[in-house]
Structures are given as structure tokens and as C-alpha cells.
């Protein structure tokens, strides 16, 4: 009796209740789904078994059940990634999430973007998943919807997020694929070509889908950052019909989507970047003397096949004290 009393009371106080017992199969399934959610590319059965420190036979049984429930997707190569059912749960959760709530609030009063289709997307493997969509007044060739999935390599939102990753991460993400998906003949076809686009997007501060998802349609995407230092957590994009949009309106929409991304980033606690100087320093006399004569470049013919180059936005650079401006000796 004395031993029983000592086991239930410590120093005259009642012992804390024991933690609730978890069902091992459910706990293991949740840890498996967590492993797939953390992975940037599909995982094999052997990799998942190592992550869970469990026999392959047990993990295989879990995977078979989760695939049937659409919680996990199995590729033709026998690798596994998250399925579509978590998106249904994510849709309910996104109503209360910071980024989705802020998107719906800000995109509803977006000035120049008011008549255009605006989307919020996150990266999921080599695809983008749409967490938010505010339809515009003009019909598009592509149906954007919450829970929809498109290849990240040919969407402006996907490329906006990919541009914030290290190029080595991008190569690893697309490793194993002989070629990239090409919805149109304008779509980027290889990883090296994609990396060149991403390098340009880093310079411009936005990414462009110029008829890569659907011919006649153009999209601009800008990355969204959080308080945690690292790659973008999401991206916002605007889609429009090229034939019905003038150059001045394109520039206005591009500036507006960049501003929407900056506002969302600020809502998530991201540090505000400092805009680089838009005008380069004046050249020295020696540089002017060594400058080669300017070549004459003929303007390309106009038409549907002409690929338009947009003006670059201000490049984003880390906050730092400005160095003293040296006086130009030629002045």
C-alpha cells in the first residue's frame, strides 16, 4: 500500500497524468506524410524506409493505403509524393492562413489588377499549386483554380519562386527528367535554358510566362517572402491576353503585381529590400576613350512571332549603407 501511495504522489502532490497513447500506425503514417512534404522531389520506398527507420514491408503497406486514399501519389518510376487530398484540407486551412488571407484582402483592391486574373501559388516539387485565385473579367485560355497544378518551369509564378533557389537546387529538383514539359512550342525545353531564364528573373525581380502555358497569353509573376531568411514561400502572378493589352498597360500591370508581392511579403514580416540606383555612375574619361563605337541594330519586324522584352524593374539588393559617391573628374 505504501509503494502504491509513493508511485502516485510525489512530495505530497498528485502526479501528472500520463501522455495519451498514440496509435502507432497513425503516427507512422503522419511521419511518412511529413517526409514527403519536406522533400523537394519524389522519394523512393528505400528513402522513406530510412527516414522512418522502419522495415520496407511496413512502409510499403502504409504507402499502398495512402495512395488509395489520394494522400500519396505514386509515379511511373515508383517514387512517391504528396497526393491531391491534402489540398482539400489545405483549402480549408488557407482561409485562416496568413498568406492566403492577406492575398484575398489585398488582391480584392489591387488597382490596375482589378480586371485581370490574379493567382497565389506555392512550389510543390516541380509543379506549382494554386492556393488562391481572383478571377478577372476577361476569359483566359487556362482555367486557374484553387488546388490546380501546373508545371513550374513554364509558369511565371513557378519561375518566380525557382529564381530564389540556388541553381544547384534547381538542377537537383529537375534531375532525372530528360526534358521539361512543353504545353506550347514557346515553352522552355531544357534545364540549362530554364536556368538562364531564372538568372534573368533574379535581375529583373519578376518572371515572365510569354505564351509558355497557352499561346496568346502572357503572365507576370513576383516572389513572396516571409520573415524567415531563405527562398520565396509563394508567388503572385497576373495573366492577360496579349492581343488585347497595350504596352503601357503591360508595364502598369507588371508594376502592380510586383507591388502586390511586396505588400504580401511585408504582411509576412519580410525585411524590406533597398532599391538599387536606377542610374549607373558616370563613366570615367578612360572608359569613354576605350568605348567601341555603337553598332546599328535594326528593329525586328512586328507581328505575332515577335518576342517582346519588357523594361527591367529595380533590382533588389540587401540593405547596406550607401558608399560615398566619388566626384567625377571629368566634370
C-alpha atoms as a PDB file:
ATOM      1  CA  UNK A   1       0.000   0.000   0.000  1.00  0.00           C
ATOM      2  CA  UNK A   2       2.870   2.338   0.855  1.00  0.00           C
ATOM      3  CA  UNK A   3       4.530   1.628  -2.523  1.00  0.00           C
ATOM      4  CA  UNK A   4       1.276   2.407  -4.326  1.00  0.00           C
ATOM      5  CA  UNK A   5       0.987   5.719  -2.478  1.00  0.00           C
ATOM      6  CA  UNK A   6       4.559   6.669  -3.370  1.00  0.00           C
ATOM      7  CA  UNK A   7       4.003   5.816  -7.012  1.00  0.00           C
ATOM      8  CA  UNK A   8       1.031   8.163  -7.315  1.00  0.00           C
ATOM      9  CA  UNK A   9       2.180  11.061  -5.173  1.00  0.00           C
ATOM     10  CA  UNK A  10       5.425  12.995  -5.161  1.00  0.00           C
ATOM     11  CA  UNK A  11       6.235  15.271  -2.199  1.00  0.00           C
ATOM     12  CA  UNK A  12       2.570  15.366  -1.247  1.00  0.00           C
ATOM     13  CA  UNK A  13       1.363  16.372  -4.749  1.00  0.00           C
ATOM     14  CA  UNK A  14      -0.611  14.327  -7.267  1.00  0.00           C
ATOM     15  CA  UNK A  15       1.454  13.002 -10.190  1.00  0.00           C
ATOM     16  CA  UNK A  16       0.799  14.475 -13.655  1.00  0.00           C
ATOM     17  CA  UNK A  17      -1.462  12.400 -15.902  1.00  0.00           C
ATOM     18  CA  UNK A  18       0.340  10.224 -18.433  1.00  0.00           C
ATOM     19  CA  UNK A  19       0.529  11.390 -22.029  1.00  0.00           C
ATOM     20  CA  UNK A  20      -2.234   9.953 -24.225  1.00  0.00           C
ATOM     21  CA  UNK A  21      -1.211   6.808 -26.025  1.00  0.00           C
ATOM     22  CA  UNK A  22      -0.865   7.217 -29.796  1.00  0.00           C
ATOM     23  CA  UNK A  23      -1.858   4.614 -32.344  1.00  0.00           C
ATOM     24  CA  UNK A  24       1.468   3.502 -33.884  1.00  0.00           C
ATOM     25  CA  UNK A  25       0.113   3.073 -37.422  1.00  0.00           C
ATOM     26  CA  UNK A  26      -1.406   6.567 -37.474  1.00  0.00           C
ATOM     27  CA  UNK A  27       1.729   8.145 -36.001  1.00  0.00           C
ATOM     28  CA  UNK A  28       3.905   6.406 -38.603  1.00  0.00           C
ATOM     29  CA  UNK A  29       1.600   7.491 -41.455  1.00  0.00           C
ATOM     30  CA  UNK A  30       1.789  11.116 -40.315  1.00  0.00           C
ATOM     31  CA  UNK A  31       5.590  10.967 -40.140  1.00  0.00           C
ATOM     32  CA  UNK A  32       5.632   9.482 -43.649  1.00  0.00           C
ATOM     33  CA  UNK A  33       3.484  12.327 -44.980  1.00  0.00           C
ATOM     34  CA  UNK A  34       5.768  14.820 -43.221  1.00  0.00           C
ATOM     35  CA  UNK A  35       8.777  13.318 -45.021  1.00  0.00           C
ATOM     36  CA  UNK A  36       7.050  13.707 -48.376  1.00  0.00           C
ATOM     37  CA  UNK A  37       6.034  17.284 -47.544  1.00  0.00           C
ATOM     38  CA  UNK A  38       9.624  18.251 -46.679  1.00  0.00           C
ATOM     39  CA  UNK A  39      11.103  16.659 -49.790  1.00  0.00           C
ATOM     40  CA  UNK A  40      11.703  18.851 -52.833  1.00  0.00           C
ATOM     41  CA  UNK A  41      11.327  15.882 -55.166  1.00  0.00           C
ATOM     42  CA  UNK A  42       9.607  12.459 -55.089  1.00  0.00           C
ATOM     43  CA  UNK A  43      11.117   9.850 -52.747  1.00  0.00           C
ATOM     44  CA  UNK A  44      11.655   6.127 -53.238  1.00  0.00           C
ATOM     45  CA  UNK A  45      10.454   3.378 -50.915  1.00  0.00           C
ATOM     46  CA  UNK A  46      14.017   2.864 -49.645  1.00  0.00           C
ATOM     47  CA  UNK A  47      14.420   6.567 -48.816  1.00  0.00           C
ATOM     48  CA  UNK A  48      11.135   6.646 -46.907  1.00  0.00           C
ATOM     49  CA  UNK A  49      12.025   3.475 -45.014  1.00  0.00           C
ATOM     50  CA  UNK A  50      15.299   5.094 -43.930  1.00  0.00           C
ATOM     51  CA  UNK A  51      13.527   8.304 -42.884  1.00  0.00           C
ATOM     52  CA  UNK A  52      11.055   6.367 -40.744  1.00  0.00           C
ATOM     53  CA  UNK A  53      13.613   3.781 -39.530  1.00  0.00           C
ATOM     54  CA  UNK A  54      11.032   1.151 -40.409  1.00  0.00           C
ATOM     55  CA  UNK A  55      11.045  -2.058 -42.490  1.00  0.00           C
ATOM     56  CA  UNK A  56      10.324  -1.644 -46.173  1.00  0.00           C
ATOM     57  CA  UNK A  57       7.395  -4.059 -45.915  1.00  0.00           C
ATOM     58  CA  UNK A  58       5.679  -1.889 -43.281  1.00  0.00           C
ATOM     59  CA  UNK A  59       6.291   1.331 -45.241  1.00  0.00           C
ATOM     60  CA  UNK A  60       5.060  -0.324 -48.441  1.00  0.00           C
ATOM     61  CA  UNK A  61       1.808  -1.247 -46.722  1.00  0.00           C
ATOM     62  CA  UNK A  62       1.331   2.322 -45.485  1.00  0.00           C
ATOM     63  CA  UNK A  63       2.057   3.740 -48.930  1.00  0.00           C
ATOM     64  CA  UNK A  64      -0.426   1.416 -50.614  1.00  0.00           C
ATOM     65  CA  UNK A  65      -3.177   2.607 -48.285  1.00  0.00           C
ATOM     66  CA  UNK A  66      -2.246   6.290 -48.610  1.00  0.00           C
ATOM     67  CA  UNK A  67      -2.150   6.028 -52.413  1.00  0.00           C
ATOM     68  CA  UNK A  68      -5.677   4.567 -52.423  1.00  0.00           C
ATOM     69  CA  UNK A  69      -6.850   7.485 -50.261  1.00  0.00           C
ATOM     70  CA  UNK A  70      -5.227  10.081 -52.596  1.00  0.00           C
ATOM     71  CA  UNK A  71      -2.940  11.199 -49.777  1.00  0.00           C
ATOM     72  CA  UNK A  72       0.122   9.997 -51.694  1.00  0.00           C
ATOM     73  CA  UNK A  73       0.825   9.848 -55.408  1.00  0.00           C
ATOM     74  CA  UNK A  74       2.984   7.126 -56.999  1.00  0.00           C
ATOM     75  CA  UNK A  75       4.879   7.985 -60.195  1.00  0.00           C
ATOM     76  CA  UNK A  76       5.600   5.637 -63.094  1.00  0.00           C
ATOM     77  CA  UNK A  77       9.175   5.413 -61.793  1.00  0.00           C
ATOM     78  CA  UNK A  78       7.906   4.036 -58.475  1.00  0.00           C
ATOM     79  CA  UNK A  79       8.615   7.198 -56.474  1.00  0.00           C
ATOM     80  CA  UNK A  80       6.195   8.877 -54.108  1.00  0.00           C
ATOM     81  CA  UNK A  81       4.992  12.437 -53.497  1.00  0.00           C
ATOM     82  CA  UNK A  82       2.030  14.085 -51.790  1.00  0.00           C
ATOM     83  CA  UNK A  83      -1.355  13.382 -53.365  1.00  0.00           C
ATOM     84  CA  UNK A  84      -4.296  15.661 -54.030  1.00  0.00           C
ATOM     85  CA  UNK A  85      -6.356  15.080 -50.876  1.00  0.00           C
ATOM     86  CA  UNK A  86      -4.111  17.253 -48.668  1.00  0.00           C
ATOM     87  CA  UNK A  87      -5.057  20.130 -50.978  1.00  0.00           C
ATOM     88  CA  UNK A  88      -8.674  19.766 -49.903  1.00  0.00           C
ATOM     89  CA  UNK A  89      -7.564  20.173 -46.314  1.00  0.00           C
ATOM     90  CA  UNK A  90      -5.241  22.984 -47.338  1.00  0.00           C
ATOM     91  CA  UNK A  91      -8.190  24.778 -48.918  1.00  0.00           C
ATOM     92  CA  UNK A  92      -9.985  24.840 -45.582  1.00  0.00           C
ATOM     93  CA  UNK A  93      -6.821  25.797 -43.735  1.00  0.00           C
ATOM     94  CA  UNK A  94      -5.868  28.512 -46.211  1.00  0.00           C
ATOM     95  CA  UNK A  95      -8.935  30.530 -45.218  1.00  0.00           C
ATOM     96  CA  UNK A  96      -7.230  31.181 -41.902  1.00  0.00           C
ATOM     97  CA  UNK A  97      -3.619  31.232 -43.063  1.00  0.00           C
ATOM     98  CA  UNK A  98      -1.715  34.488 -43.154  1.00  0.00           C
ATOM     99  CA  UNK A  99      -0.589  34.465 -46.775  1.00  0.00           C
ATOM    100  CA  UNK A 100      -3.929  33.324 -48.249  1.00  0.00           C
ATOM    101  CA  UNK A 101      -5.951  35.729 -46.106  1.00  0.00           C
ATOM    102  CA  UNK A 102      -3.642  38.608 -46.953  1.00  0.00           C
ATOM    103  CA  UNK A 103      -3.802  37.700 -50.650  1.00  0.00           C
ATOM    104  CA  UNK A 104      -7.601  37.744 -50.740  1.00  0.00           C
ATOM    105  CA  UNK A 105      -7.658  41.041 -48.882  1.00  0.00           C
ATOM    106  CA  UNK A 106      -5.024  42.798 -50.997  1.00  0.00           C
ATOM    107  CA  UNK A 107      -5.958  41.300 -54.381  1.00  0.00           C
ATOM    108  CA  UNK A 108      -9.538  42.451 -53.913  1.00  0.00           C
ATOM    109  CA  UNK A 109      -8.392  46.077 -54.019  1.00  0.00           C
ATOM    110  CA  UNK A 110      -5.500  45.870 -56.448  1.00  0.00           C
ATOM    111  CA  UNK A 111      -5.991  48.970 -58.613  1.00  0.00           C
ATOM    112  CA  UNK A 112      -4.724  48.159 -62.135  1.00  0.00           C
ATOM    113  CA  UNK A 113      -5.121  44.426 -61.391  1.00  0.00           C
ATOM    114  CA  UNK A 114      -8.839  44.742 -60.653  1.00  0.00           C
ATOM    115  CA  UNK A 115      -9.945  43.484 -64.088  1.00  0.00           C
ATOM    116  CA  UNK A 116      -7.254  40.809 -64.501  1.00  0.00           C
ATOM    117  CA  UNK A 117      -6.914  37.249 -63.180  1.00  0.00           C
ATOM    118  CA  UNK A 118      -4.513  37.188 -60.221  1.00  0.00           C
ATOM    119  CA  UNK A 119      -3.193  33.989 -58.586  1.00  0.00           C
ATOM    120  CA  UNK A 120      -1.310  32.953 -55.443  1.00  0.00           C
ATOM    121  CA  UNK A 121       0.862  29.824 -55.822  1.00  0.00           C
ATOM    122  CA  UNK A 122       3.396  27.750 -53.911  1.00  0.00           C
ATOM    123  CA  UNK A 123       6.047  25.350 -55.188  1.00  0.00           C
ATOM    124  CA  UNK A 124       5.284  21.624 -54.831  1.00  0.00           C
ATOM    125  CA  UNK A 125       8.070  19.534 -56.331  1.00  0.00           C
ATOM    126  CA  UNK A 126       8.370  20.537 -59.981  1.00  0.00           C
ATOM    127  CA  UNK A 127       4.811  21.923 -60.038  1.00  0.00           C
ATOM    128  CA  UNK A 128       3.062  24.962 -58.652  1.00  0.00           C
ATOM    129  CA  UNK A 129      -0.099  24.593 -56.570  1.00  0.00           C
ATOM    130  CA  UNK A 130      -2.588  27.445 -56.503  1.00  0.00           C
ATOM    131  CA  UNK A 131      -3.757  28.488 -53.040  1.00  0.00           C
ATOM    132  CA  UNK A 132      -5.723  31.497 -54.223  1.00  0.00           C
ATOM    133  CA  UNK A 133      -7.254  32.855 -57.404  1.00  0.00           C
ATOM    134  CA  UNK A 134      -9.175  36.056 -58.032  1.00  0.00           C
ATOM    135  CA  UNK A 135     -10.766  35.763 -61.490  1.00  0.00           C
ATOM    136  CA  UNK A 136     -10.724  38.731 -63.831  1.00  0.00           C
ATOM    137  CA  UNK A 137     -13.364  39.994 -66.198  1.00  0.00           C
ATOM    138  CA  UNK A 138     -11.709  38.606 -69.342  1.00  0.00           C
ATOM    139  CA  UNK A 139     -11.836  34.903 -70.220  1.00  0.00           C
ATOM    140  CA  UNK A 140      -8.470  33.131 -70.404  1.00  0.00           C
ATOM    141  CA  UNK A 141      -7.299  30.046 -72.264  1.00  0.00           C
ATOM    142  CA  UNK A 142      -6.244  28.432 -68.966  1.00  0.00           C
ATOM    143  CA  UNK A 143      -8.568  27.681 -66.060  1.00  0.00           C
ATOM    144  CA  UNK A 144      -6.818  28.710 -62.847  1.00  0.00           C
ATOM    145  CA  UNK A 145      -8.473  27.365 -59.679  1.00  0.00           C
ATOM    146  CA  UNK A 146      -7.569  26.722 -56.058  1.00  0.00           C
ATOM    147  CA  UNK A 147      -5.870  23.319 -55.851  1.00  0.00           C
ATOM    148  CA  UNK A 148      -4.880  23.418 -59.527  1.00  0.00           C
ATOM    149  CA  UNK A 149      -1.430  22.256 -60.545  1.00  0.00           C
ATOM    150  CA  UNK A 150       0.789  23.299 -63.474  1.00  0.00           C
ATOM    151  CA  UNK A 151       4.476  22.762 -64.349  1.00  0.00           C
ATOM    152  CA  UNK A 152       6.617  25.301 -62.508  1.00  0.00           C
ATOM    153  CA  UNK A 153       9.075  25.552 -65.404  1.00  0.00           C
ATOM    154  CA  UNK A 154       6.586  27.227 -67.753  1.00  0.00           C
ATOM    155  CA  UNK A 155       4.550  29.380 -65.352  1.00  0.00           C
ATOM    156  CA  UNK A 156       5.520  32.845 -64.180  1.00  0.00           C
ATOM    157  CA  UNK A 157       4.688  32.031 -60.558  1.00  0.00           C
ATOM    158  CA  UNK A 158       6.769  28.851 -60.660  1.00  0.00           C
ATOM    159  CA  UNK A 159       9.751  30.587 -62.215  1.00  0.00           C
ATOM    160  CA  UNK A 160       9.438  33.469 -59.740  1.00  0.00           C
ATOM    161  CA  UNK A 161       9.850  31.017 -56.848  1.00  0.00           C
ATOM    162  CA  UNK A 162      12.523  28.935 -58.592  1.00  0.00           C
ATOM    163  CA  UNK A 163      14.569  32.084 -59.218  1.00  0.00           C
ATOM    164  CA  UNK A 164      15.043  32.442 -55.447  1.00  0.00           C
ATOM    165  CA  UNK A 165      16.599  28.953 -55.151  1.00  0.00           C
ATOM    166  CA  UNK A 166      20.259  28.153 -55.612  1.00  0.00           C
ATOM    167  CA  UNK A 167      20.856  26.899 -59.191  1.00  0.00           C
ATOM    168  CA  UNK A 168      22.178  23.634 -57.741  1.00  0.00           C
ATOM    169  CA  UNK A 169      18.822  23.092 -56.023  1.00  0.00           C
ATOM    170  CA  UNK A 170      17.026  23.711 -59.306  1.00  0.00           C
ATOM    171  CA  UNK A 171      19.220  21.157 -61.102  1.00  0.00           C
ATOM    172  CA  UNK A 172      18.578  18.604 -58.353  1.00  0.00           C
ATOM    173  CA  UNK A 173      14.845  19.312 -58.461  1.00  0.00           C
ATOM    174  CA  UNK A 174      14.629  18.571 -62.187  1.00  0.00           C
ATOM    175  CA  UNK A 175      17.216  15.758 -62.185  1.00  0.00           C
ATOM    176  CA  UNK A 176      16.080  12.592 -63.906  1.00  0.00           C
ATOM    177  CA  UNK A 177      13.848  14.337 -66.422  1.00  0.00           C
ATOM    178  CA  UNK A 178      15.123  14.166 -69.986  1.00  0.00           C
ATOM    179  CA  UNK A 179      13.120  17.215 -70.982  1.00  0.00           C
ATOM    180  CA  UNK A 180      10.752  19.727 -69.459  1.00  0.00           C
ATOM    181  CA  UNK A 181       7.006  19.682 -70.198  1.00  0.00           C
ATOM    182  CA  UNK A 182       6.108  21.908 -73.153  1.00  0.00           C
ATOM    183  CA  UNK A 183       2.422  22.919 -73.316  1.00  0.00           C
ATOM    184  CA  UNK A 184       3.294  25.154 -76.317  1.00  0.00           C
ATOM    185  CA  UNK A 185       6.212  25.447 -78.704  1.00  0.00           C
ATOM    186  CA  UNK A 186       7.272  28.605 -76.811  1.00  0.00           C
ATOM    187  CA  UNK A 187       7.789  26.650 -73.559  1.00  0.00           C
ATOM    188  CA  UNK A 188      11.325  26.327 -72.229  1.00  0.00           C
ATOM    189  CA  UNK A 189      12.621  22.887 -73.207  1.00  0.00           C
ATOM    190  CA  UNK A 190      15.711  22.204 -71.067  1.00  0.00           C
ATOM    191  CA  UNK A 191      17.083  22.808 -67.588  1.00  0.00           C
ATOM    192  CA  UNK A 192      20.037  24.934 -68.858  1.00  0.00           C
ATOM    193  CA  UNK A 193      17.588  27.170 -70.731  1.00  0.00           C
ATOM    194  CA  UNK A 194      15.404  27.373 -67.621  1.00  0.00           C
ATOM    195  CA  UNK A 195      18.411  28.371 -65.512  1.00  0.00           C
ATOM    196  CA  UNK A 196      19.113  31.239 -67.931  1.00  0.00           C
ATOM    197  CA  UNK A 197      15.521  32.420 -67.542  1.00  0.00           C
ATOM    198  CA  UNK A 198      15.813  32.217 -63.753  1.00  0.00           C
ATOM    199  CA  UNK A 199      19.047  34.218 -63.792  1.00  0.00           C
ATOM    200  CA  UNK A 200      17.266  36.954 -65.742  1.00  0.00           C
ATOM    201  CA  UNK A 201      14.310  36.808 -63.339  1.00  0.00           C
ATOM    202  CA  UNK A 202      16.674  37.390 -60.411  1.00  0.00           C
ATOM    203  CA  UNK A 203      17.988  40.502 -62.131  1.00  0.00           C
ATOM    204  CA  UNK A 204      14.535  41.798 -63.098  1.00  0.00           C
ATOM    205  CA  UNK A 205      12.791  40.954 -59.813  1.00  0.00           C
ATOM    206  CA  UNK A 206       9.983  39.128 -61.658  1.00  0.00           C
ATOM    207  CA  UNK A 207       9.429  36.195 -64.006  1.00  0.00           C
ATOM    208  CA  UNK A 208       7.542  36.060 -67.293  1.00  0.00           C
ATOM    209  CA  UNK A 209       5.480  33.369 -68.990  1.00  0.00           C
ATOM    210  CA  UNK A 210       5.331  34.577 -72.583  1.00  0.00           C
ATOM    211  CA  UNK A 211       2.893  32.118 -74.227  1.00  0.00           C
ATOM    212  CA  UNK A 212       4.581  29.163 -72.476  1.00  0.00           C
ATOM    213  CA  UNK A 213       1.386  27.841 -70.853  1.00  0.00           C
ATOM    214  CA  UNK A 214      -1.046  28.890 -73.593  1.00  0.00           C
ATOM    215  CA  UNK A 215      -0.499  30.685 -76.880  1.00  0.00           C
ATOM    216  CA  UNK A 216      -1.735  34.244 -76.880  1.00  0.00           C
ATOM    217  CA  UNK A 217      -1.492  34.525 -73.094  1.00  0.00           C
ATOM    218  CA  UNK A 218       1.155  36.351 -71.064  1.00  0.00           C
ATOM    219  CA  UNK A 219       1.765  36.145 -67.307  1.00  0.00           C
ATOM    220  CA  UNK A 220       3.983  38.050 -64.882  1.00  0.00           C
ATOM    221  CA  UNK A 221       4.956  36.565 -61.509  1.00  0.00           C
ATOM    222  CA  UNK A 222       6.752  38.004 -58.486  1.00  0.00           C
ATOM    223  CA  UNK A 223       8.099  36.144 -55.419  1.00  0.00           C
ATOM    224  CA  UNK A 224       6.652  36.483 -51.920  1.00  0.00           C
ATOM    225  CA  UNK A 225       8.998  36.198 -48.921  1.00  0.00           C
ATOM    226  CA  UNK A 226       8.425  35.620 -45.205  1.00  0.00           C
ATOM    227  CA  UNK A 227      10.255  36.749 -42.081  1.00  0.00           C
ATOM    228  CA  UNK A 228      12.483  33.654 -42.287  1.00  0.00           C
ATOM    229  CA  UNK A 229      15.527  34.236 -44.440  1.00  0.00           C
ATOM    230  CA  UNK A 230      15.557  31.942 -47.429  1.00  0.00           C
ATOM    231  CA  UNK A 231      13.757  31.238 -50.708  1.00  0.00           C
ATOM    232  CA  UNK A 232      10.341  32.636 -51.528  1.00  0.00           C
ATOM    233  CA  UNK A 233       7.426  30.951 -49.764  1.00  0.00           C
ATOM    234  CA  UNK A 234       4.967  31.755 -52.558  1.00  0.00           C
ATOM    235  CA  UNK A 235       4.448  33.882 -55.635  1.00  0.00           C
ATOM    236  CA  UNK A 236       1.694  36.043 -57.085  1.00  0.00           C
ATOM    237  CA  UNK A 237       1.009  36.273 -60.787  1.00  0.00           C
ATOM    238  CA  UNK A 238      -1.258  38.096 -63.201  1.00  0.00           C
ATOM    239  CA  UNK A 239      -2.455  36.613 -66.513  1.00  0.00           C
ATOM    240  CA  UNK A 240      -3.636  38.583 -69.511  1.00  0.00           C
ATOM    241  CA  UNK A 241      -4.436  38.269 -73.203  1.00  0.00           C
ATOM    242  CA  UNK A 242      -1.573  39.671 -75.283  1.00  0.00           C
ATOM    243  CA  UNK A 243      -3.737  40.790 -78.189  1.00  0.00           C
ATOM    244  CA  UNK A 244      -5.937  42.995 -76.025  1.00  0.00           C
ATOM    245  CA  UNK A 245      -3.236  44.595 -73.893  1.00  0.00           C
ATOM    246  CA  UNK A 246      -1.143  47.582 -74.923  1.00  0.00           C
ATOM    247  CA  UNK A 247       2.470  48.179 -73.945  1.00  0.00           C
ATOM    248  CA  UNK A 248       1.663  50.875 -71.394  1.00  0.00           C
ATOM    249  CA  UNK A 249      -0.934  48.628 -69.732  1.00  0.00           C
ATOM    250  CA  UNK A 250       1.530  45.729 -69.595  1.00  0.00           C
ATOM    251  CA  UNK A 251       4.069  47.890 -67.824  1.00  0.00           C
ATOM    252  CA  UNK A 252       1.381  49.088 -65.402  1.00  0.00           C
ATOM    253  CA  UNK A 253       0.284  45.509 -64.623  1.00  0.00           C
ATOM    254  CA  UNK A 254       3.879  44.388 -64.152  1.00  0.00           C
ATOM    255  CA  UNK A 255       4.486  47.169 -61.633  1.00  0.00           C
ATOM    256  CA  UNK A 256       1.213  46.328 -59.873  1.00  0.00           C
ATOM    257  CA  UNK A 257       1.985  42.611 -59.444  1.00  0.00           C
ATOM    258  CA  UNK A 258       5.434  43.467 -58.066  1.00  0.00           C
ATOM    259  CA  UNK A 259       3.791  45.846 -55.614  1.00  0.00           C
ATOM    260  CA  UNK A 260       1.275  43.172 -54.572  1.00  0.00           C
ATOM    261  CA  UNK A 261       4.151  40.747 -53.900  1.00  0.00           C
ATOM    262  CA  UNK A 262       5.939  43.401 -51.826  1.00  0.00           C
ATOM    263  CA  UNK A 263       2.789  44.069 -49.781  1.00  0.00           C
ATOM    264  CA  UNK A 264       2.269  40.352 -49.123  1.00  0.00           C
ATOM    265  CA  UNK A 265       5.919  39.963 -48.113  1.00  0.00           C
ATOM    266  CA  UNK A 266       5.547  42.871 -45.700  1.00  0.00           C
ATOM    267  CA  UNK A 267       2.446  41.230 -44.179  1.00  0.00           C
ATOM    268  CA  UNK A 268       4.519  38.077 -43.579  1.00  0.00           C
ATOM    269  CA  UNK A 269       7.265  40.060 -41.855  1.00  0.00           C
ATOM    270  CA  UNK A 270       9.856  40.038 -44.627  1.00  0.00           C
ATOM    271  CA  UNK A 271      12.564  42.682 -44.494  1.00  0.00           C
ATOM    272  CA  UNK A 272      12.001  45.464 -46.990  1.00  0.00           C
ATOM    273  CA  UNK A 273      14.683  45.470 -49.721  1.00  0.00           C
ATOM    274  CA  UNK A 274      16.517  48.589 -50.793  1.00  0.00           C
ATOM    275  CA  UNK A 275      16.113  49.557 -54.433  1.00  0.00           C
ATOM    276  CA  UNK A 276      19.354  49.794 -56.316  1.00  0.00           C
ATOM    277  CA  UNK A 277      20.220  53.046 -58.021  1.00  0.00           C
ATOM    278  CA  UNK A 278      18.388  53.164 -61.318  1.00  0.00           C
ATOM    279  CA  UNK A 279      21.055  55.321 -62.980  1.00  0.00           C
ATOM    280  CA  UNK A 280      24.626  53.961 -63.277  1.00  0.00           C
ATOM    281  CA  UNK A 281      27.577  56.165 -62.249  1.00  0.00           C
ATOM    282  CA  UNK A 282      29.034  58.427 -64.913  1.00  0.00           C
ATOM    283  CA  UNK A 283      31.899  56.803 -66.895  1.00  0.00           C
ATOM    284  CA  UNK A 284      35.463  57.970 -66.459  1.00  0.00           C
ATOM    285  CA  UNK A 285      37.422  59.641 -69.266  1.00  0.00           C
ATOM    286  CA  UNK A 286      39.430  56.466 -69.796  1.00  0.00           C
ATOM    287  CA  UNK A 287      36.282  54.370 -70.124  1.00  0.00           C
ATOM    288  CA  UNK A 288      34.845  56.820 -72.664  1.00  0.00           C
ATOM    289  CA  UNK A 289      38.040  56.728 -74.709  1.00  0.00           C
ATOM    290  CA  UNK A 290      38.094  52.914 -74.784  1.00  0.00           C
ATOM    291  CA  UNK A 291      34.384  52.523 -75.548  1.00  0.00           C
ATOM    292  CA  UNK A 292      33.824  50.971 -79.003  1.00  0.00           C
ATOM    293  CA  UNK A 293      31.524  52.718 -81.470  1.00  0.00           C
ATOM    294  CA  UNK A 294      27.865  51.830 -81.098  1.00  0.00           C
ATOM    295  CA  UNK A 295      26.551  49.309 -83.596  1.00  0.00           C
ATOM    296  CA  UNK A 296      23.429  49.980 -85.594  1.00  0.00           C
ATOM    297  CA  UNK A 297      20.695  47.497 -84.727  1.00  0.00           C
ATOM    298  CA  UNK A 298      17.723  47.121 -86.997  1.00  0.00           C
ATOM    299  CA  UNK A 299      14.343  46.825 -85.312  1.00  0.00           C
ATOM    300  CA  UNK A 300      12.710  43.411 -85.775  1.00  0.00           C
ATOM    301  CA  UNK A 301       9.557  43.212 -87.874  1.00  0.00           C
ATOM    302  CA  UNK A 302       6.317  43.446 -85.961  1.00  0.00           C
ATOM    303  CA  UNK A 303       3.867  40.565 -85.799  1.00  0.00           C
ATOM    304  CA  UNK A 304       2.623  37.742 -83.603  1.00  0.00           C
ATOM    305  CA  UNK A 305       6.013  35.976 -83.662  1.00  0.00           C
ATOM    306  CA  UNK A 306       7.876  38.937 -82.177  1.00  0.00           C
ATOM    307  CA  UNK A 307       9.040  38.225 -78.618  1.00  0.00           C
ATOM    308  CA  UNK A 308       8.690  41.380 -76.576  1.00  0.00           C
ATOM    309  CA  UNK A 309      11.292  42.440 -73.996  1.00  0.00           C
ATOM    310  CA  UNK A 310       9.857  44.295 -71.007  1.00  0.00           C
ATOM    311  CA  UNK A 311      11.692  47.034 -69.173  1.00  0.00           C
ATOM    312  CA  UNK A 312      13.579  45.828 -66.137  1.00  0.00           C
ATOM    313  CA  UNK A 313      12.320  46.757 -62.700  1.00  0.00           C
ATOM    314  CA  UNK A 314      14.618  47.935 -59.964  1.00  0.00           C
ATOM    315  CA  UNK A 315      16.957  45.192 -58.808  1.00  0.00           C
ATOM    316  CA  UNK A 316      16.563  44.145 -55.182  1.00  0.00           C
ATOM    317  CA  UNK A 317      19.746  44.249 -53.125  1.00  0.00           C
ATOM    318  CA  UNK A 318      20.358  43.605 -49.406  1.00  0.00           C
ATOM    319  CA  UNK A 319      20.119  46.567 -47.059  1.00  0.00           C
ATOM    320  CA  UNK A 320      23.520  48.197 -46.599  1.00  0.00           C
ATOM    321  CA  UNK A 321      24.882  51.695 -46.003  1.00  0.00           C
ATOM    322  CA  UNK A 322      25.405  53.576 -49.222  1.00  0.00           C
ATOM    323  CA  UNK A 323      29.078  54.183 -50.114  1.00  0.00           C
ATOM    324  CA  UNK A 324      30.225  57.728 -50.626  1.00  0.00           C
ATOM    325  CA  UNK A 325      29.744  58.937 -54.203  1.00  0.00           C
ATOM    326  CA  UNK A 326      33.066  59.755 -55.856  1.00  0.00           C
ATOM    327  CA  UNK A 327      33.135  63.018 -57.766  1.00  0.00           C
ATOM    328  CA  UNK A 328      33.568  62.575 -61.490  1.00  0.00           C
ATOM    329  CA  UNK A 329      36.912  64.158 -62.530  1.00  0.00           C
ATOM    330  CA  UNK A 330      35.555  64.902 -65.993  1.00  0.00           C
ATOM    331  CA  UNK A 331      33.010  67.377 -64.609  1.00  0.00           C
END
